[in-house]
Amino acid sequence: MKKLLKTICLALFIGAMFLGVELLRDKEQLRQQIVRLHVVADSDSAEDQAVKLEVKDAIVAYLQEKLEGLTDIEQVKAYLSKHLEALQEVAEQTLERLGVEESVSVSFEEEAFPVRYYDTFKLPSGIYQSLRVRIGQAQGKNWWCVVFPTLCIPQSGEEFRDVAAGSGFTDTLGQTLSNEDGYEVR
């Protein structure tokens, strides 16, 4: 009886380890297929926060047009890396239009993000490719979204699955994001 109990416990332990490894693999694959947008305001003042949102809107509008039709993450990374100056110009023109004399910098880099909850899905914490926009001293509250696949606008659960599938995400990755399987990747 003890031997049977030990065998069952060992089998459960091995099964749990395989599940954990599979979830970690999904999380890593997810990080490799997402590009995030991170806009940091000059300060926490109401004016600087409003400026941050204007810059974010201009960048998102520009990228939605330019990234339309791209379904491969490598194409998106290559595009962003090549067009940092154009994105910088979009941000600078927005600041100029608003009469703001702060500097702005745009970079494409790896960046650590905390868990982020959206209406219909959540992104696990981790290191992601990030298009980062820093306004002025970049000491204020930040704003972020997923620029690829294009999830910078609220998505319903159905719309999210469609966008994720259209961006080459497997059903498993889509479920990992939307937490449909009841598991939480940590």
C-alpha atoms as a PDB file:
ATOM      1  CA  MET A   1       0.000   0.000   0.000  1.00  0.00           C
ATOM      2  CA  LYS A   2       2.823   2.405   0.891  1.00  0.00           C
ATOM      3  CA  LYS A   3       4.553   1.586  -2.380  1.00  0.00           C
ATOM      4  CA  LEU A   4       1.369   2.326  -4.340  1.00  0.00           C
ATOM      5  CA  LEU A   5       0.909   5.624  -2.504  1.00  0.00           C
ATOM      6  CA  LYS A   6       4.538   6.607  -3.172  1.00  0.00           C
ATOM      7  CA  THR A   7       4.115   5.722  -6.854  1.00  0.00           C
ATOM      8  CA  ILE A   8       0.948   7.810  -7.134  1.00  0.00           C
ATOM      9  CA  CYS A   9       2.601  10.786  -5.380  1.00  0.00           C
ATOM     10  CA  LEU A  10       5.656  10.490  -7.640  1.00  0.00           C
ATOM     11  CA  ALA A  11       3.437  10.352 -10.743  1.00  0.00           C
ATOM     12  CA  LEU A  12       1.497  13.442  -9.588  1.00  0.00           C
ATOM     13  CA  PHE A  13       4.747  15.270  -8.867  1.00  0.00           C
ATOM     14  CA  ILE A  14       6.176  14.435 -12.301  1.00  0.00           C
ATOM     15  CA  GLY A  15       2.897  15.479 -13.955  1.00  0.00           C
ATOM     16  CA  ALA A  16       2.931  18.802 -12.100  1.00  0.00           C
ATOM     17  CA  MET A  17       6.539  19.390 -13.163  1.00  0.00           C
ATOM     18  CA  PHE A  18       5.676  18.757 -16.822  1.00  0.00           C
ATOM     19  CA  LEU A  19       2.729  21.166 -16.562  1.00  0.00           C
ATOM     20  CA  GLY A  20       4.954  23.802 -14.949  1.00  0.00           C
ATOM     21  CA  VAL A  21       7.604  23.418 -17.645  1.00  0.00           C
ATOM     22  CA  GLU A  22       4.925  23.712 -20.346  1.00  0.00           C
ATOM     23  CA  LEU A  23       3.528  26.896 -18.783  1.00  0.00           C
ATOM     24  CA  LEU A  24       7.014  28.434 -18.532  1.00  0.00           C
ATOM     25  CA  ARG A  25       7.666  27.551 -22.174  1.00  0.00           C
ATOM     26  CA  ASP A  26       4.384  29.222 -23.163  1.00  0.00           C
ATOM     27  CA  LYS A  27       5.281  32.323 -21.140  1.00  0.00           C
ATOM     28  CA  GLU A  28       8.700  32.596 -22.802  1.00  0.00           C
ATOM     29  CA  GLN A  29       7.211  32.049 -26.259  1.00  0.00           C
ATOM     30  CA  LEU A  30       4.642  34.732 -25.479  1.00  0.00           C
ATOM     31  CA  ARG A  31       7.347  37.239 -24.535  1.00  0.00           C
ATOM     32  CA  GLN A  32       9.134  36.577 -27.806  1.00  0.00           C
ATOM     33  CA  GLN A  33       5.992  37.286 -29.859  1.00  0.00           C
ATOM     34  CA  ILE A  34       4.923  40.574 -28.274  1.00  0.00           C
ATOM     35  CA  VAL A  35       6.197  44.145 -28.614  1.00  0.00           C
ATOM     36  CA  ARG A  36       5.005  46.591 -26.000  1.00  0.00           C
ATOM     37  CA  LEU A  37       4.713  50.367 -26.123  1.00  0.00           C
ATOM     38  CA  HIS A  38       5.810  52.258 -23.007  1.00  0.00           C
ATOM     39  CA  VAL A  39       5.332  56.030 -22.763  1.00  0.00           C
ATOM     40  CA  VAL A  40       6.713  57.806 -19.687  1.00  0.00           C
ATOM     41  CA  ALA A  41       5.564  61.340 -18.811  1.00  0.00           C
ATOM     42  CA  ASP A  42       7.899  64.120 -17.714  1.00  0.00           C
ATOM     43  CA  SER A  43       6.172  64.309 -14.312  1.00  0.00           C
ATOM     44  CA  ASP A  44       2.925  63.434 -12.556  1.00  0.00           C
ATOM     45  CA  SER A  45       1.393  66.884 -13.111  1.00  0.00           C
ATOM     46  CA  ALA A  46      -1.980  66.905 -14.851  1.00  0.00           C
ATOM     47  CA  GLU A  47      -0.472  68.809 -17.792  1.00  0.00           C
ATOM     48  CA  ASP A  48       2.374  66.331 -18.267  1.00  0.00           C
ATOM     49  CA  GLN A  49       0.001  63.387 -17.990  1.00  0.00           C
ATOM     50  CA  ALA A  50      -2.234  64.925 -20.683  1.00  0.00           C
ATOM     51  CA  VAL A  51       0.830  65.453 -22.899  1.00  0.00           C
ATOM     52  CA  LYS A  52       1.830  61.816 -22.382  1.00  0.00           C
ATOM     53  CA  LEU A  53      -1.585  60.660 -23.625  1.00  0.00           C
ATOM     54  CA  GLU A  54      -1.382  62.929 -26.677  1.00  0.00           C
ATOM     55  CA  VAL A  55       2.050  61.522 -27.564  1.00  0.00           C
ATOM     56  CA  LYS A  56       0.773  57.985 -27.003  1.00  0.00           C
ATOM     57  CA  ASP A  57      -2.217  58.599 -29.287  1.00  0.00           C
ATOM     58  CA  ALA A  58       0.009  59.992 -32.042  1.00  0.00           C
ATOM     59  CA  ILE A  59       2.451  57.051 -31.832  1.00  0.00           C
ATOM     60  CA  VAL A  60      -0.353  54.458 -31.784  1.00  0.00           C
ATOM     61  CA  ALA A  61      -2.102  56.082 -34.774  1.00  0.00           C
ATOM     62  CA  TYR A  62       1.169  56.192 -36.711  1.00  0.00           C
ATOM     63  CA  LEU A  63       2.009  52.566 -35.904  1.00  0.00           C
ATOM     64  CA  GLN A  64      -1.450  51.211 -36.672  1.00  0.00           C
ATOM     65  CA  GLU A  65      -1.119  52.473 -40.219  1.00  0.00           C
ATOM     66  CA  LYS A  66       2.519  51.382 -40.655  1.00  0.00           C
ATOM     67  CA  LEU A  67       2.237  47.938 -39.054  1.00  0.00           C
ATOM     68  CA  GLU A  68      -1.036  47.044 -40.759  1.00  0.00           C
ATOM     69  CA  GLY A  69      -0.647  43.746 -42.559  1.00  0.00           C
ATOM     70  CA  LEU A  70       2.525  42.692 -40.740  1.00  0.00           C
ATOM     71  CA  THR A  71       1.963  39.341 -39.072  1.00  0.00           C
ATOM     72  CA  ASP A  72       5.548  38.311 -38.341  1.00  0.00           C
ATOM     73  CA  ILE A  73       7.215  39.535 -35.158  1.00  0.00           C
ATOM     74  CA  GLU A  74      10.606  39.749 -36.863  1.00  0.00           C
ATOM     75  CA  GLN A  75       9.167  42.104 -39.506  1.00  0.00           C
ATOM     76  CA  VAL A  76       7.753  44.308 -36.761  1.00  0.00           C
ATOM     77  CA  LYS A  77      11.026  44.383 -34.816  1.00  0.00           C
ATOM     78  CA  ALA A  78      12.942  45.230 -37.994  1.00  0.00           C
ATOM     79  CA  TYR A  79      10.468  47.985 -38.878  1.00  0.00           C
ATOM     80  CA  LEU A  80      10.636  49.557 -35.420  1.00  0.00           C
ATOM     81  CA  SER A  81      14.427  49.386 -35.287  1.00  0.00           C
ATOM     82  CA  LYS A  82      14.734  51.028 -38.711  1.00  0.00           C
ATOM     83  CA  HIS A  83      12.132  53.755 -38.078  1.00  0.00           C
ATOM     84  CA  LEU A  84      13.056  55.088 -34.648  1.00  0.00           C
ATOM     85  CA  GLU A  85      13.830  58.498 -36.161  1.00  0.00           C
ATOM     86  CA  ALA A  86      10.373  58.693 -37.755  1.00  0.00           C
ATOM     87  CA  LEU A  87       8.754  57.744 -34.439  1.00  0.00           C
ATOM     88  CA  GLN A  88      10.901  60.345 -32.689  1.00  0.00           C
ATOM     89  CA  GLU A  89       9.640  62.906 -35.210  1.00  0.00           C
ATOM     90  CA  VAL A  90       6.013  61.939 -34.543  1.00  0.00           C
ATOM     91  CA  ALA A  91       6.578  62.481 -30.805  1.00  0.00           C
ATOM     92  CA  GLU A  92       8.433  65.777 -31.348  1.00  0.00           C
ATOM     93  CA  GLN A  93       5.741  67.106 -33.697  1.00  0.00           C
ATOM     94  CA  THR A  94       3.101  66.256 -31.110  1.00  0.00           C
ATOM     95  CA  LEU A  95       4.990  68.152 -28.416  1.00  0.00           C
ATOM     96  CA  GLU A  96       5.479  71.099 -30.772  1.00  0.00           C
ATOM     97  CA  ARG A  97       1.772  71.139 -31.668  1.00  0.00           C
ATOM     98  CA  LEU A  98       0.963  71.241 -27.948  1.00  0.00           C
ATOM     99  CA  GLY A  99       3.464  74.019 -27.296  1.00  0.00           C
ATOM    100  CA  VAL A 100       5.556  71.796 -25.025  1.00  0.00           C
ATOM    101  CA  GLU A 101       9.292  72.461 -25.030  1.00  0.00           C
ATOM    102  CA  GLU A 102      10.370  69.191 -23.384  1.00  0.00           C
ATOM    103  CA  SER A 103      12.739  66.803 -25.082  1.00  0.00           C
ATOM    104  CA  VAL A 104      11.593  63.336 -26.081  1.00  0.00           C
ATOM    105  CA  SER A 105      13.525  60.154 -26.787  1.00  0.00           C
ATOM    106  CA  VAL A 106      12.341  57.005 -28.519  1.00  0.00           C
ATOM    107  CA  SER A 107      14.166  53.677 -28.218  1.00  0.00           C
ATOM    108  CA  PHE A 108      13.566  50.017 -28.964  1.00  0.00           C
ATOM    109  CA  GLU A 109      14.909  47.853 -26.151  1.00  0.00           C
ATOM    110  CA  GLU A 110      14.237  44.991 -23.797  1.00  0.00           C
ATOM    111  CA  GLU A 111      12.434  46.136 -20.687  1.00  0.00           C
ATOM    112  CA  ALA A 112      11.052  44.507 -17.540  1.00  0.00           C
ATOM    113  CA  PHE A 113       7.280  44.821 -17.083  1.00  0.00           C
ATOM    114  CA  PRO A 114       5.056  43.851 -14.154  1.00  0.00           C
ATOM    115  CA  VAL A 115       1.897  41.809 -14.624  1.00  0.00           C
ATOM    116  CA  ARG A 116      -0.591  43.935 -16.566  1.00  0.00           C
ATOM    117  CA  TYR A 117      -4.332  43.295 -16.375  1.00  0.00           C
ATOM    118  CA  TYR A 118      -6.517  44.378 -19.270  1.00  0.00           C
ATOM    119  CA  ASP A 119     -10.301  44.012 -19.601  1.00  0.00           C
ATOM    120  CA  THR A 120     -10.178  40.658 -21.378  1.00  0.00           C
ATOM    121  CA  PHE A 121      -6.674  39.306 -20.787  1.00  0.00           C
ATOM    122  CA  LYS A 122      -3.525  39.748 -18.776  1.00  0.00           C
ATOM    123  CA  LEU A 123       0.135  39.798 -19.658  1.00  0.00           C
ATOM    124  CA  PRO A 124       2.529  38.026 -17.329  1.00  0.00           C
ATOM    125  CA  SER A 125       5.458  39.913 -15.888  1.00  0.00           C
ATOM    126  CA  GLY A 126       8.798  39.562 -17.603  1.00  0.00           C
ATOM    127  CA  ILE A 127      11.267  41.010 -20.060  1.00  0.00           C
ATOM    128  CA  TYR A 128       9.622  42.163 -23.307  1.00  0.00           C
ATOM    129  CA  GLN A 129      10.741  44.001 -26.431  1.00  0.00           C
ATOM    130  CA  SER A 130       9.569  47.553 -25.864  1.00  0.00           C
ATOM    131  CA  LEU A 131       9.177  50.695 -27.920  1.00  0.00           C
ATOM    132  CA  ARG A 132       9.940  53.197 -25.177  1.00  0.00           C
ATOM    133  CA  VAL A 133       9.079  56.892 -25.358  1.00  0.00           C
ATOM    134  CA  ARG A 134      10.505  59.126 -22.634  1.00  0.00           C
ATOM    135  CA  ILE A 135       9.221  62.688 -22.353  1.00  0.00           C
ATOM    136  CA  GLY A 136      11.426  65.251 -20.593  1.00  0.00           C
ATOM    137  CA  GLN A 137      12.842  63.866 -17.351  1.00  0.00           C
ATOM    138  CA  ALA A 138      10.622  60.760 -17.663  1.00  0.00           C
ATOM    139  CA  GLN A 139       9.806  60.897 -13.940  1.00  0.00           C
ATOM    140  CA  GLY A 140       6.013  60.677 -14.253  1.00  0.00           C
ATOM    141  CA  LYS A 141       3.459  57.937 -14.428  1.00  0.00           C
ATOM    142  CA  ASN A 142       3.714  55.754 -17.474  1.00  0.00           C
ATOM    143  CA  TRP A 143       1.331  54.247 -19.975  1.00  0.00           C
ATOM    144  CA  TRP A 144       1.794  50.990 -21.811  1.00  0.00           C
ATOM    145  CA  CYS A 145       0.031  48.697 -24.205  1.00  0.00           C
ATOM    146  CA  VAL A 146       0.814  45.968 -26.709  1.00  0.00           C
ATOM    147  CA  VAL A 147       1.819  47.421 -30.055  1.00  0.00           C
ATOM    148  CA  PHE A 148       2.190  43.984 -31.680  1.00  0.00           C
ATOM    149  CA  PRO A 149      -0.148  42.350 -32.020  1.00  0.00           C
ATOM    150  CA  THR A 150      -2.114  45.583 -32.084  1.00  0.00           C
ATOM    151  CA  LEU A 151      -3.856  45.564 -28.707  1.00  0.00           C
ATOM    152  CA  CYS A 152      -3.481  49.238 -27.785  1.00  0.00           C
ATOM    153  CA  ILE A 153      -7.225  49.657 -28.011  1.00  0.00           C
ATOM    154  CA  PRO A 154      -9.687  47.771 -25.809  1.00  0.00           C
ATOM    155  CA  GLN A 155     -10.513  44.380 -27.242  1.00  0.00           C
ATOM    156  CA  SER A 156     -13.399  42.093 -26.394  1.00  0.00           C
ATOM    157  CA  GLY A 157     -12.469  38.495 -25.627  1.00  0.00           C
ATOM    158  CA  GLU A 158     -13.531  37.431 -29.124  1.00  0.00           C
ATOM    159  CA  GLU A 159     -11.709  40.336 -30.810  1.00  0.00           C
ATOM    160  CA  PHE A 160      -8.620  39.579 -28.747  1.00  0.00           C
ATOM    161  CA  ARG A 161      -8.569  35.939 -29.854  1.00  0.00           C
ATOM    162  CA  ASP A 162      -9.030  37.004 -33.488  1.00  0.00           C
ATOM    163  CA  VAL A 163      -6.191  39.560 -33.314  1.00  0.00           C
ATOM    164  CA  ALA A 164      -3.911  37.099 -31.529  1.00  0.00           C
ATOM    165  CA  ALA A 165      -4.645  34.342 -34.057  1.00  0.00           C
ATOM    166  CA  GLY A 166      -4.090  36.764 -36.946  1.00  0.00           C
ATOM    167  CA  SER A 167      -0.693  37.614 -35.471  1.00  0.00           C
ATOM    168  CA  GLY A 168       0.409  34.001 -35.508  1.00  0.00           C
ATOM    169  CA  PHE A 169      -0.306  33.151 -31.868  1.00  0.00           C
ATOM    170  CA  THR A 170      -1.147  29.513 -31.284  1.00  0.00           C
ATOM    171  CA  ASP A 171      -4.391  28.644 -29.508  1.00  0.00           C
ATOM    172  CA  THR A 172      -2.311  27.764 -26.447  1.00  0.00           C
ATOM    173  CA  LEU A 173      -0.674  31.205 -26.375  1.00  0.00           C
ATOM    174  CA  GLY A 174      -4.036  32.908 -26.834  1.00  0.00           C
ATOM    175  CA  GLN A 175      -5.415  30.894 -23.942  1.00  0.00           C
ATOM    176  CA  THR A 176      -2.351  31.712 -21.847  1.00  0.00           C
ATOM    177  CA  LEU A 177      -2.959  35.421 -22.404  1.00  0.00           C
ATOM    178  CA  SER A 178      -6.681  35.342 -21.804  1.00  0.00           C
ATOM    179  CA  ASN A 179      -6.304  32.934 -18.885  1.00  0.00           C
ATOM    180  CA  GLU A 180      -9.069  30.771 -20.384  1.00  0.00           C
ATOM    181  CA  ASP A 181      -7.549  27.541 -19.133  1.00  0.00           C
ATOM    182  CA  GLY A 182      -7.844  28.581 -15.498  1.00  0.00           C
ATOM    183  CA  TYR A 183      -4.074  28.600 -14.960  1.00  0.00           C
ATOM    184  CA  GLU A 184      -2.098  31.671 -14.108  1.00  0.00           C
ATOM    185  CA  VAL A 185       1.421  31.833 -15.518  1.00  0.00           C
ATOM    186  CA  ARG A 186       3.784  33.180 -12.855  1.00  0.00           C
END
